[in-house]
C-alpha atoms as a PDB file:
ATOM      1  CA  UNK A   1     -57.673  11.643 -21.919  1.00  0.00           C
ATOM      2  CA  UNK A   2     -55.723  13.998 -24.133  1.00  0.00           C
ATOM      3  CA  UNK A   3     -52.730  12.305 -25.886  1.00  0.00           C
ATOM      4  CA  UNK A   4     -51.039  15.326 -27.348  1.00  0.00           C
ATOM      5  CA  UNK A   5     -51.296  14.246 -30.991  1.00  0.00           C
ATOM      6  CA  UNK A   6     -53.634  14.778 -33.876  1.00  0.00           C
ATOM      7  CA  UNK A   7     -55.550  11.481 -34.353  1.00  0.00           C
ATOM      8  CA  UNK A   8     -56.136  12.368 -38.004  1.00  0.00           C
ATOM      9  CA  UNK A   9     -52.384  12.287 -38.580  1.00  0.00           C
ATOM     10  CA  UNK A  10     -50.101   9.272 -38.532  1.00  0.00           C
ATOM     11  CA  UNK A  11     -49.172   8.421 -34.962  1.00  0.00           C
ATOM     12  CA  UNK A  12     -48.398   5.656 -32.432  1.00  0.00           C
ATOM     13  CA  UNK A  13     -49.235   5.173 -28.730  1.00  0.00           C
ATOM     14  CA  UNK A  14     -48.513   2.867 -25.858  1.00  0.00           C
ATOM     15  CA  UNK A  15     -52.026   1.345 -25.356  1.00  0.00           C
ATOM     16  CA  UNK A  16     -54.299  -1.086 -27.258  1.00  0.00           C
ATOM     17  CA  UNK A  17     -56.922   0.227 -29.588  1.00  0.00           C
ATOM     18  CA  UNK A  18     -59.865  -1.650 -31.127  1.00  0.00           C
ATOM     19  CA  UNK A  19     -62.193  -0.131 -33.750  1.00  0.00           C
ATOM     20  CA  UNK A  20     -65.641  -1.609 -34.349  1.00  0.00           C
ATOM     21  CA  UNK A  21     -66.995  -0.110 -37.564  1.00  0.00           C
ATOM     22  CA  UNK A  22     -70.737  -0.498 -37.855  1.00  0.00           C
ATOM     23  CA  UNK A  23     -70.749   1.458 -41.128  1.00  0.00           C
ATOM     24  CA  UNK A  24     -67.687   1.866 -43.274  1.00  0.00           C
ATOM     25  CA  UNK A  25     -65.992   4.450 -45.407  1.00  0.00           C
ATOM     26  CA  UNK A  26     -62.325   5.477 -45.882  1.00  0.00           C
ATOM     27  CA  UNK A  27     -59.229   3.552 -45.058  1.00  0.00           C
ATOM     28  CA  UNK A  28     -57.034   2.705 -42.012  1.00  0.00           C
ATOM     29  CA  UNK A  29     -53.263   2.745 -42.293  1.00  0.00           C
ATOM     30  CA  UNK A  30     -51.655   0.243 -39.930  1.00  0.00           C
ATOM     31  CA  UNK A  31     -47.845  -0.242 -40.025  1.00  0.00           C
ATOM     32  CA  UNK A  32     -47.807   1.231 -43.519  1.00  0.00           C
ATOM     33  CA  UNK A  33     -50.425  -1.183 -44.925  1.00  0.00           C
ATOM     34  CA  UNK A  34     -53.688   0.282 -46.019  1.00  0.00           C
ATOM     35  CA  UNK A  35     -56.947  -1.393 -45.010  1.00  0.00           C
ATOM     36  CA  UNK A  36     -60.351  -0.330 -46.269  1.00  0.00           C
ATOM     37  CA  UNK A  37     -62.913   0.552 -43.629  1.00  0.00           C
ATOM     38  CA  UNK A  38     -65.952  -1.689 -44.346  1.00  0.00           C
ATOM     39  CA  UNK A  39     -69.304  -2.328 -42.723  1.00  0.00           C
ATOM     40  CA  UNK A  40     -69.275  -4.672 -39.748  1.00  0.00           C
ATOM     41  CA  UNK A  41     -65.456  -4.748 -39.543  1.00  0.00           C
ATOM     42  CA  UNK A  42     -62.949  -4.967 -36.652  1.00  0.00           C
ATOM     43  CA  UNK A  43     -59.585  -3.286 -36.716  1.00  0.00           C
ATOM     44  CA  UNK A  44     -56.863  -3.975 -34.124  1.00  0.00           C
ATOM     45  CA  UNK A  45     -53.912  -1.741 -33.193  1.00  0.00           C
ATOM     46  CA  UNK A  46     -51.267  -2.882 -30.629  1.00  0.00           C
ATOM     47  CA  UNK A  47     -48.977  -0.573 -28.647  1.00  0.00           C
ATOM     48  CA  UNK A  48     -46.164   0.798 -30.731  1.00  0.00           C
ATOM     49  CA  UNK A  49     -47.857   0.315 -34.086  1.00  0.00           C
ATOM     50  CA  UNK A  50     -48.016   3.224 -36.470  1.00  0.00           C
ATOM     51  CA  UNK A  51     -51.479   3.968 -37.717  1.00  0.00           C
ATOM     52  CA  UNK A  52     -53.801   6.584 -39.201  1.00  0.00           C
ATOM     53  CA  UNK A  53     -57.531   6.674 -39.686  1.00  0.00           C
ATOM     54  CA  UNK A  54     -58.995   8.471 -42.747  1.00  0.00           C
ATOM     55  CA  UNK A  55     -62.771   8.170 -42.496  1.00  0.00           C
ATOM     56  CA  UNK A  56     -65.105   9.194 -45.268  1.00  0.00           C
ATOM     57  CA  UNK A  57     -68.862   9.232 -45.545  1.00  0.00           C
ATOM     58  CA  UNK A  58     -71.133   8.131 -42.696  1.00  0.00           C
ATOM     59  CA  UNK A  59     -68.698   5.704 -41.115  1.00  0.00           C
ATOM     60  CA  UNK A  60     -69.646   5.020 -37.498  1.00  0.00           C
ATOM     61  CA  UNK A  61     -69.081   2.646 -34.610  1.00  0.00           C
ATOM     62  CA  UNK A  62     -66.967   2.352 -31.449  1.00  0.00           C
ATOM     63  CA  UNK A  63     -63.327   2.822 -30.506  1.00  0.00           C
ATOM     64  CA  UNK A  64     -62.151   0.879 -27.446  1.00  0.00           C
ATOM     65  CA  UNK A  65     -58.829   1.822 -25.853  1.00  0.00           C
ATOM     66  CA  UNK A  66     -57.205   0.117 -22.869  1.00  0.00           C
ATOM     67  CA  UNK A  67     -53.737  -0.157 -21.367  1.00  0.00           C
ATOM     68  CA  UNK A  68     -51.821  -3.334 -20.587  1.00  0.00           C
ATOM     69  CA  UNK A  69     -51.624  -2.496 -16.813  1.00  0.00           C
ATOM     70  CA  UNK A  70     -55.460  -1.997 -16.675  1.00  0.00           C
ATOM     71  CA  UNK A  71     -56.180  -5.347 -18.248  1.00  0.00           C
ATOM     72  CA  UNK A  72     -53.502  -7.321 -16.334  1.00  0.00           C
ATOM     73  CA  UNK A  73     -54.477  -6.001 -12.889  1.00  0.00           C
ATOM     74  CA  UNK A  74     -54.722  -9.079 -10.612  1.00  0.00           C
ATOM     75  CA  UNK A  75     -54.396 -11.501 -13.512  1.00  0.00           C
ATOM     76  CA  UNK A  76     -52.127 -14.471 -12.922  1.00  0.00           C
ATOM     77  CA  UNK A  77     -51.231 -14.832 -16.576  1.00  0.00           C
ATOM     78  CA  UNK A  78     -49.335 -11.673 -17.409  1.00  0.00           C
ATOM     79  CA  UNK A  79     -48.646 -12.600 -21.050  1.00  0.00           C
ATOM     80  CA  UNK A  80     -52.169 -13.272 -22.213  1.00  0.00           C
ATOM     81  CA  UNK A  81     -52.324 -10.265 -24.495  1.00  0.00           C
ATOM     82  CA  UNK A  82     -49.227 -11.427 -26.354  1.00  0.00           C
ATOM     83  CA  UNK A  83     -51.177 -14.620 -27.262  1.00  0.00           C
ATOM     84  CA  UNK A  84     -53.824 -12.755 -29.208  1.00  0.00           C
ATOM     85  CA  UNK A  85     -52.990 -13.146 -32.913  1.00  0.00           C
ATOM     86  CA  UNK A  86     -55.028 -10.043 -33.982  1.00  0.00           C
ATOM     87  CA  UNK A  87     -52.533  -7.933 -31.965  1.00  0.00           C
ATOM     88  CA  UNK A  88     -49.378 -10.033 -32.360  1.00  0.00           C
ATOM     89  CA  UNK A  89     -49.750 -12.143 -35.438  1.00  0.00           C
ATOM     90  CA  UNK A  90     -47.763 -14.293 -37.800  1.00  0.00           C
ATOM     91  CA  UNK A  91     -48.902 -12.837 -41.116  1.00  0.00           C
ATOM     92  CA  UNK A  92     -52.627 -12.298 -41.573  1.00  0.00           C
ATOM     93  CA  UNK A  93     -54.261  -8.932 -41.278  1.00  0.00           C
ATOM     94  CA  UNK A  94     -55.255  -6.678 -38.360  1.00  0.00           C
ATOM     95  CA  UNK A  95     -58.621  -5.907 -39.981  1.00  0.00           C
ATOM     96  CA  UNK A  96     -61.429  -8.461 -40.515  1.00  0.00           C
ATOM     97  CA  UNK A  97     -65.043  -8.330 -41.694  1.00  0.00           C
ATOM     98  CA  UNK A  98     -67.540 -10.334 -39.664  1.00  0.00           C
ATOM     99  CA  UNK A  99     -71.163 -11.450 -40.081  1.00  0.00           C
ATOM    100  CA  UNK A 100     -73.785  -8.941 -38.951  1.00  0.00           C
ATOM    101  CA  UNK A 101     -74.979 -11.251 -36.131  1.00  0.00           C
ATOM    102  CA  UNK A 102     -71.356 -11.626 -34.826  1.00  0.00           C
ATOM    103  CA  UNK A 103     -70.869  -7.893 -34.981  1.00  0.00           C
ATOM    104  CA  UNK A 104     -74.086  -7.290 -33.056  1.00  0.00           C
ATOM    105  CA  UNK A 105     -72.898  -9.719 -30.353  1.00  0.00           C
ATOM    106  CA  UNK A 106     -69.659  -7.737 -29.946  1.00  0.00           C
ATOM    107  CA  UNK A 107     -71.550  -4.433 -30.114  1.00  0.00           C
ATOM    108  CA  UNK A 108     -73.804  -5.480 -27.212  1.00  0.00           C
ATOM    109  CA  UNK A 109     -70.790  -6.122 -25.027  1.00  0.00           C
ATOM    110  CA  UNK A 110     -69.178  -2.805 -25.922  1.00  0.00           C
ATOM    111  CA  UNK A 111     -72.466  -0.969 -25.310  1.00  0.00           C
ATOM    112  CA  UNK A 112     -72.658  -2.614 -21.880  1.00  0.00           C
ATOM    113  CA  UNK A 113     -69.104  -1.481 -21.208  1.00  0.00           C
ATOM    114  CA  UNK A 114     -69.980   2.046 -22.144  1.00  0.00           C
ATOM    115  CA  UNK A 115     -72.929   2.031 -19.695  1.00  0.00           C
ATOM    116  CA  UNK A 116     -70.560   0.847 -16.918  1.00  0.00           C
ATOM    117  CA  UNK A 117     -67.871   3.333 -17.873  1.00  0.00           C
ATOM    118  CA  UNK A 118     -70.194   6.362 -17.422  1.00  0.00           C
ATOM    119  CA  UNK A 119     -71.926   4.840 -14.422  1.00  0.00           C
ATOM    120  CA  UNK A 120     -71.130   5.227 -10.659  1.00  0.00           C
ATOM    121  CA  UNK A 121     -70.696   1.660  -9.651  1.00  0.00           C
ATOM    122  CA  UNK A 122     -67.707   1.538  -7.308  1.00  0.00           C
ATOM    123  CA  UNK A 123     -66.659  -1.812  -8.852  1.00  0.00           C
ATOM    124  CA  UNK A 124     -66.971  -0.660 -12.428  1.00  0.00           C
ATOM    125  CA  UNK A 125     -63.276  -1.070 -13.190  1.00  0.00           C
ATOM    126  CA  UNK A 126     -63.480  -4.743 -12.240  1.00  0.00           C
ATOM    127  CA  UNK A 127     -66.682  -5.122 -14.285  1.00  0.00           C
ATOM    128  CA  UNK A 128     -65.048  -3.419 -17.231  1.00  0.00           C
ATOM    129  CA  UNK A 129     -62.068  -5.760 -17.035  1.00  0.00           C
ATOM    130  CA  UNK A 130     -64.428  -8.761 -17.070  1.00  0.00           C
ATOM    131  CA  UNK A 131     -66.311  -7.423 -20.121  1.00  0.00           C
ATOM    132  CA  UNK A 132     -63.061  -6.742 -21.821  1.00  0.00           C
ATOM    133  CA  UNK A 133     -61.854 -10.305 -21.284  1.00  0.00           C
ATOM    134  CA  UNK A 134     -65.096 -11.665 -22.749  1.00  0.00           C
ATOM    135  CA  UNK A 135     -64.737  -9.375 -25.709  1.00  0.00           C
ATOM    136  CA  UNK A 136     -61.136 -10.311 -26.417  1.00  0.00           C
ATOM    137  CA  UNK A 137     -62.031 -14.037 -26.384  1.00  0.00           C
ATOM    138  CA  UNK A 138     -64.915 -13.337 -28.749  1.00  0.00           C
ATOM    139  CA  UNK A 139     -62.587 -11.530 -31.079  1.00  0.00           C
ATOM    140  CA  UNK A 140     -60.280 -14.490 -30.917  1.00  0.00           C
ATOM    141  CA  UNK A 141     -63.065 -16.818 -31.978  1.00  0.00           C
ATOM    142  CA  UNK A 142     -63.945 -14.563 -34.927  1.00  0.00           C
ATOM    143  CA  UNK A 143     -60.352 -14.075 -35.932  1.00  0.00           C
ATOM    144  CA  UNK A 144     -59.646 -17.819 -35.977  1.00  0.00           C
ATOM    145  CA  UNK A 145     -62.699 -18.306 -38.225  1.00  0.00           C
ATOM    146  CA  UNK A 146     -61.588 -15.633 -40.672  1.00  0.00           C
ATOM    147  CA  UNK A 147     -57.818 -16.181 -40.719  1.00  0.00           C
ATOM    148  CA  UNK A 148     -57.855 -19.938 -40.256  1.00  0.00           C
ATOM    149  CA  UNK A 149     -54.975 -19.372 -37.922  1.00  0.00           C
ATOM    150  CA  UNK A 150     -53.342 -22.053 -35.838  1.00  0.00           C
ATOM    151  CA  UNK A 151     -52.791 -19.588 -33.020  1.00  0.00           C
ATOM    152  CA  UNK A 152     -54.953 -20.498 -29.996  1.00  0.00           C
ATOM    153  CA  UNK A 153     -55.239 -18.998 -26.515  1.00  0.00           C
ATOM    154  CA  UNK A 154     -54.110 -22.257 -24.882  1.00  0.00           C
ATOM    155  CA  UNK A 155     -51.019 -23.885 -26.367  1.00  0.00           C
ATOM    156  CA  UNK A 156     -51.831 -27.472 -27.338  1.00  0.00           C
ATOM    157  CA  UNK A 157     -48.326 -28.914 -26.740  1.00  0.00           C
ATOM    158  CA  UNK A 158     -45.084 -28.136 -24.973  1.00  0.00           C
ATOM    159  CA  UNK A 159     -43.646 -27.175 -28.405  1.00  0.00           C
ATOM    160  CA  UNK A 160     -46.388 -24.644 -29.168  1.00  0.00           C
ATOM    161  CA  UNK A 161     -45.950 -23.257 -25.660  1.00  0.00           C
ATOM    162  CA  UNK A 162     -42.268 -22.729 -26.367  1.00  0.00           C
ATOM    163  CA  UNK A 163     -43.192 -21.007 -29.670  1.00  0.00           C
ATOM    164  CA  UNK A 164     -45.420 -18.559 -27.789  1.00  0.00           C
ATOM    165  CA  UNK A 165     -42.712 -18.027 -25.223  1.00  0.00           C
ATOM    166  CA  UNK A 166     -40.280 -17.224 -28.068  1.00  0.00           C
ATOM    167  CA  UNK A 167     -42.730 -14.666 -29.559  1.00  0.00           C
ATOM    168  CA  UNK A 168     -43.138 -13.039 -26.201  1.00  0.00           C
ATOM    169  CA  UNK A 169     -39.389 -12.806 -25.582  1.00  0.00           C
ATOM    170  CA  UNK A 170     -38.921 -11.476 -29.090  1.00  0.00           C
ATOM    171  CA  UNK A 171     -41.398  -8.670 -28.453  1.00  0.00           C
ATOM    172  CA  UNK A 172     -39.569  -7.794 -25.240  1.00  0.00           C
ATOM    173  CA  UNK A 173     -35.887  -8.271 -26.323  1.00  0.00           C
ATOM    174  CA  UNK A 174     -35.570  -7.568 -30.032  1.00  0.00           C
ATOM    175  CA  UNK A 175     -33.654  -4.346 -29.404  1.00  0.00           C
ATOM    176  CA  UNK A 176     -31.020  -6.240 -27.438  1.00  0.00           C
ATOM    177  CA  UNK A 177     -31.007  -9.871 -28.751  1.00  0.00           C
ATOM    178  CA  UNK A 178     -30.138 -10.407 -32.363  1.00  0.00           C
ATOM    179  CA  UNK A 179     -29.187 -14.141 -32.466  1.00  0.00           C
ATOM    180  CA  UNK A 180     -31.160 -17.345 -32.304  1.00  0.00           C
ATOM    181  CA  UNK A 181     -28.824 -18.620 -29.603  1.00  0.00           C
ATOM    182  CA  UNK A 182     -29.835 -15.874 -27.132  1.00  0.00           C
ATOM    183  CA  UNK A 183     -33.517 -16.717 -27.426  1.00  0.00           C
ATOM    184  CA  UNK A 184     -32.871 -20.488 -27.323  1.00  0.00           C
ATOM    185  CA  UNK A 185     -30.877 -20.059 -24.100  1.00  0.00           C
ATOM    186  CA  UNK A 186     -33.785 -18.162 -22.471  1.00  0.00           C
ATOM    187  CA  UNK A 187     -36.069 -21.097 -23.355  1.00  0.00           C
ATOM    188  CA  UNK A 188     -33.555 -23.744 -22.233  1.00  0.00           C
ATOM    189  CA  UNK A 189     -33.495 -25.434 -25.653  1.00  0.00           C
ATOM    190  CA  UNK A 190     -30.958 -25.655 -28.442  1.00  0.00           C
ATOM    191  CA  UNK A 191     -30.935 -23.144 -31.370  1.00  0.00           C
ATOM    192  CA  UNK A 192     -31.677 -26.011 -33.768  1.00  0.00           C
ATOM    193  CA  UNK A 193     -34.718 -27.051 -31.709  1.00  0.00           C
ATOM    194  CA  UNK A 194     -36.006 -23.492 -31.612  1.00  0.00           C
ATOM    195  CA  UNK A 195     -35.572 -23.224 -35.352  1.00  0.00           C
ATOM    196  CA  UNK A 196     -37.548 -26.441 -35.836  1.00  0.00           C
ATOM    197  CA  UNK A 197     -40.355 -25.154 -33.602  1.00  0.00           C
ATOM    198  CA  UNK A 198     -40.597 -21.872 -35.413  1.00  0.00           C
ATOM    199  CA  UNK A 199     -40.827 -23.653 -38.777  1.00  0.00           C
ATOM    200  CA  UNK A 200     -43.529 -25.928 -37.492  1.00  0.00           C
ATOM    201  CA  UNK A 201     -45.739 -23.350 -35.748  1.00  0.00           C
ATOM    202  CA  UNK A 202     -44.743 -20.100 -37.533  1.00  0.00           C
ATOM    203  CA  UNK A 203     -43.897 -21.223 -40.999  1.00  0.00           C
ATOM    204  CA  UNK A 204     -40.371 -19.759 -41.061  1.00  0.00           C
ATOM    205  CA  UNK A 205     -37.029 -19.846 -39.222  1.00  0.00           C
ATOM    206  CA  UNK A 206     -36.309 -18.234 -35.878  1.00  0.00           C
ATOM    207  CA  UNK A 207     -33.839 -15.923 -37.498  1.00  0.00           C
ATOM    208  CA  UNK A 208     -36.454 -14.701 -39.941  1.00  0.00           C
ATOM    209  CA  UNK A 209     -38.771 -13.919 -37.028  1.00  0.00           C
ATOM    210  CA  UNK A 210     -35.953 -11.957 -35.282  1.00  0.00           C
ATOM    211  CA  UNK A 211     -34.962 -10.070 -38.436  1.00  0.00           C
ATOM    212  CA  UNK A 212     -38.612  -9.381 -39.320  1.00  0.00           C
ATOM    213  CA  UNK A 213     -39.343  -7.836 -35.914  1.00  0.00           C
ATOM    214  CA  UNK A 214     -36.258  -5.614 -36.104  1.00  0.00           C
ATOM    215  CA  UNK A 215     -37.146  -4.583 -39.630  1.00  0.00           C
ATOM    216  CA  UNK A 216     -40.702  -3.725 -38.598  1.00  0.00           C
ATOM    217  CA  UNK A 217     -39.523  -1.427 -35.820  1.00  0.00           C
ATOM    218  CA  UNK A 218     -36.988   0.172 -38.190  1.00  0.00           C
ATOM    219  CA  UNK A 219     -39.772   0.928 -40.643  1.00  0.00           C
ATOM    220  CA  UNK A 220     -41.883   2.439 -37.837  1.00  0.00           C
ATOM    221  CA  UNK A 221     -39.060   4.719 -36.746  1.00  0.00           C
ATOM    222  CA  UNK A 222     -38.162   5.720 -40.300  1.00  0.00           C
ATOM    223  CA  UNK A 223     -41.744   6.335 -41.346  1.00  0.00           C
ATOM    224  CA  UNK A 224     -42.987   8.033 -38.207  1.00  0.00           C
ATOM    225  CA  UNK A 225     -40.192   9.436 -36.052  1.00  0.00           C
ATOM    226  CA  UNK A 226     -37.882  12.343 -36.651  1.00  0.00           C
ATOM    227  CA  UNK A 227     -34.840  10.311 -35.518  1.00  0.00           C
ATOM    228  CA  UNK A 228     -31.850  10.359 -37.868  1.00  0.00           C
ATOM    229  CA  UNK A 229     -30.329   7.070 -39.102  1.00  0.00           C
ATOM    230  CA  UNK A 230     -27.627   7.010 -36.405  1.00  0.00           C
ATOM    231  CA  UNK A 231     -30.223   7.499 -33.656  1.00  0.00           C
ATOM    232  CA  UNK A 232     -32.402   4.758 -35.081  1.00  0.00           C
ATOM    233  CA  UNK A 233     -29.413   2.410 -35.226  1.00  0.00           C
ATOM    234  CA  UNK A 234     -28.688   3.022 -31.581  1.00  0.00           C
ATOM    235  CA  UNK A 235     -32.454   2.629 -30.675  1.00  0.00           C
ATOM    236  CA  UNK A 236     -32.406  -0.755 -32.335  1.00  0.00           C
ATOM    237  CA  UNK A 237     -29.221  -1.973 -30.742  1.00  0.00           C
ATOM    238  CA  UNK A 238     -26.842  -1.716 -33.727  1.00  0.00           C
ATOM    239  CA  UNK A 239     -23.234  -0.725 -33.214  1.00  0.00           C
ATOM    240  CA  UNK A 240     -23.416   2.114 -35.687  1.00  0.00           C
ATOM    241  CA  UNK A 241     -25.416   3.525 -38.620  1.00  0.00           C
ATOM    242  CA  UNK A 242     -23.378   1.600 -41.168  1.00  0.00           C
ATOM    243  CA  UNK A 243     -24.231  -1.725 -39.590  1.00  0.00           C
ATOM    244  CA  UNK A 244     -27.912  -0.808 -39.456  1.00  0.00           C
ATOM    245  CA  UNK A 245     -27.883   0.424 -43.079  1.00  0.00           C
ATOM    246  CA  UNK A 246     -26.341  -2.861 -44.287  1.00  0.00           C
ATOM    247  CA  UNK A 247     -28.967  -4.814 -42.420  1.00  0.00           C
ATOM    248  CA  UNK A 248     -31.832  -2.742 -43.802  1.00  0.00           C
ATOM    249  CA  UNK A 249     -30.483  -2.917 -47.374  1.00  0.00           C
ATOM    250  CA  UNK A 250     -30.120  -6.705 -47.120  1.00  0.00           C
ATOM    251  CA  UNK A 251     -33.689  -7.044 -45.933  1.00  0.00           C
ATOM    252  CA  UNK A 252     -35.429  -4.456 -48.142  1.00  0.00           C
ATOM    253  CA  UNK A 253     -33.113  -4.016 -51.134  1.00  0.00           C
ATOM    254  CA  UNK A 254     -32.838  -0.255 -50.541  1.00  0.00           C
ATOM    255  CA  UNK A 255     -31.265   2.166 -48.096  1.00  0.00           C
ATOM    256  CA  UNK A 256     -33.045   3.460 -44.988  1.00  0.00           C
ATOM    257  CA  UNK A 257     -33.030   7.024 -46.369  1.00  0.00           C
ATOM    258  CA  UNK A 258     -34.510   5.992 -49.647  1.00  0.00           C
ATOM    259  CA  UNK A 259     -37.198   3.937 -47.900  1.00  0.00           C
ATOM    260  CA  UNK A 260     -38.006   6.915 -45.720  1.00  0.00           C
ATOM    261  CA  UNK A 261     -38.399   9.173 -48.718  1.00  0.00           C
ATOM    262  CA  UNK A 262     -40.658   6.669 -50.495  1.00  0.00           C
ATOM    263  CA  UNK A 263     -42.710   6.236 -47.361  1.00  0.00           C
ATOM    264  CA  UNK A 264     -43.143   9.994 -46.927  1.00  0.00           C
ATOM    265  CA  UNK A 265     -44.357  10.324 -50.567  1.00  0.00           C
ATOM    266  CA  UNK A 266     -46.657   7.369 -50.145  1.00  0.00           C
ATOM    267  CA  UNK A 267     -48.210   8.765 -47.008  1.00  0.00           C
ATOM    268  CA  UNK A 268     -48.896  12.088 -48.733  1.00  0.00           C
ATOM    269  CA  UNK A 269     -50.749  10.231 -51.490  1.00  0.00           C
ATOM    270  CA  UNK A 270     -52.809   8.297 -48.914  1.00  0.00           C
ATOM    271  CA  UNK A 271     -53.867  11.418 -47.106  1.00  0.00           C
ATOM    272  CA  UNK A 272     -54.801  13.408 -50.218  1.00  0.00           C
END
């Protein structure tokens, strides 16, 4: 599948991408944070994230790409992917190193997937989905061990389920909803209760989650797209460029234009 972009340049796409590096070398830029490519490491990129691979030396491994519709076909739980902290996380890193035996376990699954992918079995798409689900759960196990995260695939209480529901709604609605009250209403709880849940399970307030998600998308658009400030403001649901600029300055301590210039210079240094 040709995507129409240069994969060696900074880019974003609408599918999930997982890198399994058997041998390392170089670095991987994900949402403007640089991660070294090391032996037996796993890197995760979610739809919409800005990233760039700069490999050096004999780095090798696998790249696994899949779309949300492919994975969710016939699945009852449509929001499972949003529960995976290595794609949608509260802090932490999208790149982890694992023990050699754990990497080999993942590598065997991916190798079996590759065999199915190039084969002629008429049910191979269903087989691939099953392998993919096993692999994602294995990644979850490894991620929990490395990150010591409290995120689990199955919420342990009604409150943690509401926290996941909030994160899912935030990912879907951040362009339109800017207040805690709007998210609380969708969850049928009070703003104060939502705030308490976010503090307990996410370590910060609901408003900080909302502002952080808007700021992240603003940085992606400033650092990657050619949109001007007014266009970015409209894309993110602000009334005008002035309102957006005030928000960005309050969050980052600098103007959107200054941040874009710094980001451009930083990217040039990373690619040289």
